[in-house]
């Protein structure tokens, strides 16, 4: 999925009697190629970057040089969030869950479900929820970078039917996948 971002430059500037089109605009073509354009005629001026990818993350600087005044700099840290590449839910036998349904299980059974998240930047926090109540936030980051959370449920009841959901939370983005318990 391609995203467009806008980095605003809070520095005020003028072209000292010339039009802003006549002012010198510079960017490193080797870094941004043709995916970025500086819009000087917006308020505030802004750098627009299209097709943002993980490698675009970093510190950006808007620098304004004046003829008879000190240079002004505005720095913006761009963090790019990358969702997990693969999310797998395993039932208590270690089999991948299909169609987000596990079971059937008998009432009073003890089970576990495992959620594994592969990829993503920054590393996601994998938690288990029942509707809006947190059940388990004890995830572990494995040596290969995958994140694993095992939910242990004791003495299943009808209350547990159709109610579990793992979530992958990043800094500002949260993904959820409903997982349903089927009853025998």
C-alpha atoms as a PDB file:
ATOM      1  CA  UNK A   1       0.000   0.000   0.000  1.00  0.00           C
ATOM      2  CA  UNK A   2       1.431   3.403  -0.960  1.00  0.00           C
ATOM      3  CA  UNK A   3       1.048   6.353   1.360  1.00  0.00           C
ATOM      4  CA  UNK A   4       1.515  10.083   0.888  1.00  0.00           C
ATOM      5  CA  UNK A   5       2.872  12.101   3.792  1.00  0.00           C
ATOM      6  CA  UNK A   6       3.275  15.826   4.256  1.00  0.00           C
ATOM      7  CA  UNK A   7       6.151  17.229   6.326  1.00  0.00           C
ATOM      8  CA  UNK A   8       5.437  20.854   7.177  1.00  0.00           C
ATOM      9  CA  UNK A   9       8.265  23.374   7.284  1.00  0.00           C
ATOM     10  CA  UNK A  10       7.478  25.834  10.065  1.00  0.00           C
ATOM     11  CA  UNK A  11      10.157  28.297   8.948  1.00  0.00           C
ATOM     12  CA  UNK A  12       8.854  31.569   7.541  1.00  0.00           C
ATOM     13  CA  UNK A  13      10.670  32.835   4.494  1.00  0.00           C
ATOM     14  CA  UNK A  14      10.426  35.238   1.623  1.00  0.00           C
ATOM     15  CA  UNK A  15      12.317  35.632  -1.628  1.00  0.00           C
ATOM     16  CA  UNK A  16      13.423  39.233  -0.965  1.00  0.00           C
ATOM     17  CA  UNK A  17      11.342  40.839  -3.659  1.00  0.00           C
ATOM     18  CA  UNK A  18      11.491  37.909  -6.073  1.00  0.00           C
ATOM     19  CA  UNK A  19       8.828  35.295  -6.633  1.00  0.00           C
ATOM     20  CA  UNK A  20       9.252  32.084  -4.640  1.00  0.00           C
ATOM     21  CA  UNK A  21       9.609  30.202  -7.929  1.00  0.00           C
ATOM     22  CA  UNK A  22      12.866  32.117  -8.491  1.00  0.00           C
ATOM     23  CA  UNK A  23      14.263  31.085  -5.098  1.00  0.00           C
ATOM     24  CA  UNK A  24      16.691  28.177  -5.037  1.00  0.00           C
ATOM     25  CA  UNK A  25      15.113  24.859  -3.974  1.00  0.00           C
ATOM     26  CA  UNK A  26      17.357  21.878  -3.382  1.00  0.00           C
ATOM     27  CA  UNK A  27      16.937  18.237  -2.423  1.00  0.00           C
ATOM     28  CA  UNK A  28      19.208  15.239  -2.816  1.00  0.00           C
ATOM     29  CA  UNK A  29      17.958  13.333  -5.870  1.00  0.00           C
ATOM     30  CA  UNK A  30      19.911  10.244  -4.790  1.00  0.00           C
ATOM     31  CA  UNK A  31      17.848  10.075  -1.594  1.00  0.00           C
ATOM     32  CA  UNK A  32      14.342  11.142  -2.589  1.00  0.00           C
ATOM     33  CA  UNK A  33      14.476  10.561  -6.355  1.00  0.00           C
ATOM     34  CA  UNK A  34      11.243  11.861  -7.897  1.00  0.00           C
ATOM     35  CA  UNK A  35       8.955  10.801  -5.039  1.00  0.00           C
ATOM     36  CA  UNK A  36       9.170  14.106  -3.142  1.00  0.00           C
ATOM     37  CA  UNK A  37       8.166  17.647  -4.004  1.00  0.00           C
ATOM     38  CA  UNK A  38       8.456  20.841  -1.942  1.00  0.00           C
ATOM     39  CA  UNK A  39       5.306  22.976  -1.968  1.00  0.00           C
ATOM     40  CA  UNK A  40       6.393  26.514  -1.133  1.00  0.00           C
ATOM     41  CA  UNK A  41       3.023  28.100  -1.935  1.00  0.00           C
ATOM     42  CA  UNK A  42       1.127  26.355   0.891  1.00  0.00           C
ATOM     43  CA  UNK A  43       0.822  27.689   4.422  1.00  0.00           C
ATOM     44  CA  UNK A  44       2.965  26.388   5.969  1.00  0.00           C
ATOM     45  CA  UNK A  45       5.274  25.252   3.167  1.00  0.00           C
ATOM     46  CA  UNK A  46       5.582  21.477   3.041  1.00  0.00           C
ATOM     47  CA  UNK A  47       7.537  18.578   1.608  1.00  0.00           C
ATOM     48  CA  UNK A  48       5.225  15.914   0.196  1.00  0.00           C
ATOM     49  CA  UNK A  49       6.587  12.406  -0.153  1.00  0.00           C
ATOM     50  CA  UNK A  50       4.588   9.835  -2.092  1.00  0.00           C
ATOM     51  CA  UNK A  51       4.934   6.075  -1.887  1.00  0.00           C
ATOM     52  CA  UNK A  52       6.439   6.143   1.618  1.00  0.00           C
ATOM     53  CA  UNK A  53       8.396   3.009   2.539  1.00  0.00           C
ATOM     54  CA  UNK A  54      10.295   1.867   5.624  1.00  0.00           C
ATOM     55  CA  UNK A  55      13.590   3.080   4.159  1.00  0.00           C
ATOM     56  CA  UNK A  56      12.184   6.649   4.050  1.00  0.00           C
ATOM     57  CA  UNK A  57      12.249   6.827   7.860  1.00  0.00           C
ATOM     58  CA  UNK A  58      14.741   9.258   9.328  1.00  0.00           C
ATOM     59  CA  UNK A  59      15.446  12.869  10.165  1.00  0.00           C
ATOM     60  CA  UNK A  60      14.324  15.458   7.621  1.00  0.00           C
ATOM     61  CA  UNK A  61      15.456  19.057   7.699  1.00  0.00           C
ATOM     62  CA  UNK A  62      13.888  22.144   6.172  1.00  0.00           C
ATOM     63  CA  UNK A  63      16.629  24.765   5.929  1.00  0.00           C
ATOM     64  CA  UNK A  64      16.040  28.381   4.980  1.00  0.00           C
ATOM     65  CA  UNK A  65      19.067  30.557   4.209  1.00  0.00           C
ATOM     66  CA  UNK A  66      18.683  34.328   4.355  1.00  0.00           C
ATOM     67  CA  UNK A  67      20.897  36.888   2.689  1.00  0.00           C
ATOM     68  CA  UNK A  68      21.346  39.051   5.812  1.00  0.00           C
ATOM     69  CA  UNK A  69      19.951  36.912   8.634  1.00  0.00           C
ATOM     70  CA  UNK A  70      20.933  33.661  10.314  1.00  0.00           C
ATOM     71  CA  UNK A  71      19.927  30.387   8.697  1.00  0.00           C
ATOM     72  CA  UNK A  72      16.818  28.725  10.138  1.00  0.00           C
ATOM     73  CA  UNK A  73      16.370  24.966  10.400  1.00  0.00           C
ATOM     74  CA  UNK A  74      13.312  22.874  11.121  1.00  0.00           C
ATOM     75  CA  UNK A  75      13.907  19.186  11.840  1.00  0.00           C
ATOM     76  CA  UNK A  76      11.236  16.496  11.593  1.00  0.00           C
ATOM     77  CA  UNK A  77      11.727  12.855  12.577  1.00  0.00           C
ATOM     78  CA  UNK A  78       9.730  10.574  10.275  1.00  0.00           C
ATOM     79  CA  UNK A  79       8.901   7.186  11.769  1.00  0.00           C
ATOM     80  CA  UNK A  80       7.363   4.677   9.361  1.00  0.00           C
ATOM     81  CA  UNK A  81       5.144   1.982  10.876  1.00  0.00           C
ATOM     82  CA  UNK A  82       5.109  -1.335   9.037  1.00  0.00           C
ATOM     83  CA  UNK A  83       2.329  -3.823   9.872  1.00  0.00           C
ATOM     84  CA  UNK A  84       3.171  -7.484  10.530  1.00  0.00           C
ATOM     85  CA  UNK A  85       3.809  -9.492   7.366  1.00  0.00           C
ATOM     86  CA  UNK A  86       2.064 -12.578   8.748  1.00  0.00           C
ATOM     87  CA  UNK A  87      -0.171 -13.317  11.721  1.00  0.00           C
ATOM     88  CA  UNK A  88      -0.857 -16.915  12.720  1.00  0.00           C
ATOM     89  CA  UNK A  89      -3.126 -18.288  15.422  1.00  0.00           C
ATOM     90  CA  UNK A  90      -2.478 -21.831  16.629  1.00  0.00           C
ATOM     91  CA  UNK A  91      -4.919 -23.983  18.582  1.00  0.00           C
ATOM     92  CA  UNK A  92      -3.948 -26.055  21.619  1.00  0.00           C
ATOM     93  CA  UNK A  93      -2.703 -28.854  19.319  1.00  0.00           C
ATOM     94  CA  UNK A  94      -0.348 -26.456  17.483  1.00  0.00           C
ATOM     95  CA  UNK A  95      -2.433 -26.459  14.286  1.00  0.00           C
ATOM     96  CA  UNK A  96      -3.027 -23.208  12.411  1.00  0.00           C
ATOM     97  CA  UNK A  97      -6.530 -21.858  12.964  1.00  0.00           C
ATOM     98  CA  UNK A  98      -8.599 -21.531   9.790  1.00  0.00           C
ATOM     99  CA  UNK A  99     -11.482 -19.079   9.424  1.00  0.00           C
ATOM    100  CA  UNK A 100     -10.701 -17.649  12.882  1.00  0.00           C
ATOM    101  CA  UNK A 101     -12.573 -20.466  14.657  1.00  0.00           C
ATOM    102  CA  UNK A 102     -11.011 -22.845  17.206  1.00  0.00           C
ATOM    103  CA  UNK A 103     -12.673 -25.885  18.685  1.00  0.00           C
ATOM    104  CA  UNK A 104     -15.117 -27.324  19.312  1.00  0.00           C
ATOM    105  CA  UNK A 105     -14.276 -27.743  23.003  1.00  0.00           C
ATOM    106  CA  UNK A 106     -16.278 -29.151  25.878  1.00  0.00           C
ATOM    107  CA  UNK A 107     -17.371 -26.971  28.760  1.00  0.00           C
ATOM    108  CA  UNK A 108     -14.857 -26.939  31.639  1.00  0.00           C
ATOM    109  CA  UNK A 109     -12.003 -27.831  29.242  1.00  0.00           C
ATOM    110  CA  UNK A 110      -8.579 -26.199  29.695  1.00  0.00           C
ATOM    111  CA  UNK A 111      -7.037 -24.944  26.434  1.00  0.00           C
ATOM    112  CA  UNK A 112      -4.405 -22.599  25.082  1.00  0.00           C
ATOM    113  CA  UNK A 113      -4.261 -20.517  21.927  1.00  0.00           C
ATOM    114  CA  UNK A 114      -1.079 -19.041  20.499  1.00  0.00           C
ATOM    115  CA  UNK A 115      -0.812 -15.904  18.418  1.00  0.00           C
ATOM    116  CA  UNK A 116       2.384 -15.422  16.397  1.00  0.00           C
ATOM    117  CA  UNK A 117       3.186 -12.181  14.593  1.00  0.00           C
ATOM    118  CA  UNK A 118       5.993 -12.128  12.012  1.00  0.00           C
ATOM    119  CA  UNK A 119       7.561  -8.913  10.798  1.00  0.00           C
ATOM    120  CA  UNK A 120       6.472  -5.382  11.462  1.00  0.00           C
ATOM    121  CA  UNK A 121       8.332  -2.267  12.480  1.00  0.00           C
ATOM    122  CA  UNK A 122       8.490  -1.370  15.262  1.00  0.00           C
ATOM    123  CA  UNK A 123       8.064  -4.816  16.820  1.00  0.00           C
ATOM    124  CA  UNK A 124       4.365  -5.145  17.725  1.00  0.00           C
ATOM    125  CA  UNK A 125       2.959  -5.935  21.161  1.00  0.00           C
ATOM    126  CA  UNK A 126       0.714  -9.004  20.857  1.00  0.00           C
ATOM    127  CA  UNK A 127      -2.113  -9.180  23.409  1.00  0.00           C
ATOM    128  CA  UNK A 128      -5.318 -11.177  23.892  1.00  0.00           C
ATOM    129  CA  UNK A 129      -8.705  -9.537  24.599  1.00  0.00           C
ATOM    130  CA  UNK A 130     -12.275 -10.550  25.425  1.00  0.00           C
ATOM    131  CA  UNK A 131     -14.341  -7.771  23.910  1.00  0.00           C
ATOM    132  CA  UNK A 132     -12.842  -4.679  25.642  1.00  0.00           C
ATOM    133  CA  UNK A 133     -11.144  -6.491  28.542  1.00  0.00           C
ATOM    134  CA  UNK A 134      -7.443  -7.339  28.376  1.00  0.00           C
ATOM    135  CA  UNK A 135      -6.853 -11.037  29.091  1.00  0.00           C
ATOM    136  CA  UNK A 136      -3.129 -11.472  28.491  1.00  0.00           C
ATOM    137  CA  UNK A 137      -0.320  -9.075  27.626  1.00  0.00           C
ATOM    138  CA  UNK A 138       2.590 -11.469  28.259  1.00  0.00           C
ATOM    139  CA  UNK A 139       4.050 -11.595  24.761  1.00  0.00           C
ATOM    140  CA  UNK A 140       7.621 -12.710  24.019  1.00  0.00           C
ATOM    141  CA  UNK A 141       9.947 -11.625  21.221  1.00  0.00           C
ATOM    142  CA  UNK A 142      11.722 -14.689  19.814  1.00  0.00           C
ATOM    143  CA  UNK A 143      15.330 -14.656  18.489  1.00  0.00           C
ATOM    144  CA  UNK A 144      14.094 -14.531  14.875  1.00  0.00           C
ATOM    145  CA  UNK A 145      12.057 -11.373  15.634  1.00  0.00           C
ATOM    146  CA  UNK A 146       8.624 -12.992  15.690  1.00  0.00           C
ATOM    147  CA  UNK A 147       6.346 -12.119  18.595  1.00  0.00           C
ATOM    148  CA  UNK A 148       4.423 -14.835  20.447  1.00  0.00           C
ATOM    149  CA  UNK A 149       1.651 -14.731  23.045  1.00  0.00           C
ATOM    150  CA  UNK A 150       0.086 -17.901  24.471  1.00  0.00           C
ATOM    151  CA  UNK A 151      -3.352 -17.499  26.064  1.00  0.00           C
ATOM    152  CA  UNK A 152      -4.214 -20.135  28.682  1.00  0.00           C
ATOM    153  CA  UNK A 153      -7.921 -20.604  29.352  1.00  0.00           C
ATOM    154  CA  UNK A 154      -9.122 -22.774  32.208  1.00  0.00           C
ATOM    155  CA  UNK A 155     -12.589 -24.246  32.626  1.00  0.00           C
ATOM    156  CA  UNK A 156     -14.206 -22.962  29.452  1.00  0.00           C
ATOM    157  CA  UNK A 157     -17.787 -21.821  29.813  1.00  0.00           C
ATOM    158  CA  UNK A 158     -20.506 -20.571  27.493  1.00  0.00           C
ATOM    159  CA  UNK A 159     -19.280 -17.067  28.360  1.00  0.00           C
ATOM    160  CA  UNK A 160     -16.094 -17.847  26.390  1.00  0.00           C
ATOM    161  CA  UNK A 161     -18.011 -18.775  23.224  1.00  0.00           C
ATOM    162  CA  UNK A 162     -17.267 -16.362  20.310  1.00  0.00           C
ATOM    163  CA  UNK A 163     -15.383 -13.914  22.508  1.00  0.00           C
ATOM    164  CA  UNK A 164     -11.568 -13.969  22.087  1.00  0.00           C
ATOM    165  CA  UNK A 165      -9.521 -11.569  19.997  1.00  0.00           C
ATOM    166  CA  UNK A 166      -5.754 -11.124  19.642  1.00  0.00           C
ATOM    167  CA  UNK A 167      -4.449  -7.622  18.921  1.00  0.00           C
ATOM    168  CA  UNK A 168      -1.167  -6.343  17.556  1.00  0.00           C
ATOM    169  CA  UNK A 169      -0.447  -2.908  18.866  1.00  0.00           C
ATOM    170  CA  UNK A 170       2.186  -0.563  17.578  1.00  0.00           C
ATOM    171  CA  UNK A 171       2.883   3.030  18.446  1.00  0.00           C
ATOM    172  CA  UNK A 172      -0.252   4.428  16.814  1.00  0.00           C
ATOM    173  CA  UNK A 173      -1.808   1.530  14.973  1.00  0.00           C
ATOM    174  CA  UNK A 174      -3.791  -1.376  16.313  1.00  0.00           C
ATOM    175  CA  UNK A 175      -4.904  -4.405  14.334  1.00  0.00           C
ATOM    176  CA  UNK A 176      -7.317  -7.001  15.605  1.00  0.00           C
ATOM    177  CA  UNK A 177      -8.497 -10.357  14.364  1.00  0.00           C
ATOM    178  CA  UNK A 178     -11.574 -11.968  15.901  1.00  0.00           C
ATOM    179  CA  UNK A 179     -11.080 -15.562  17.000  1.00  0.00           C
ATOM    180  CA  UNK A 180     -14.084 -17.606  17.977  1.00  0.00           C
ATOM    181  CA  UNK A 181     -14.381 -20.581  20.271  1.00  0.00           C
ATOM    182  CA  UNK A 182     -16.729 -23.246  18.986  1.00  0.00           C
ATOM    183  CA  UNK A 183     -18.550 -25.369  21.548  1.00  0.00           C
ATOM    184  CA  UNK A 184     -19.104 -29.120  21.367  1.00  0.00           C
END
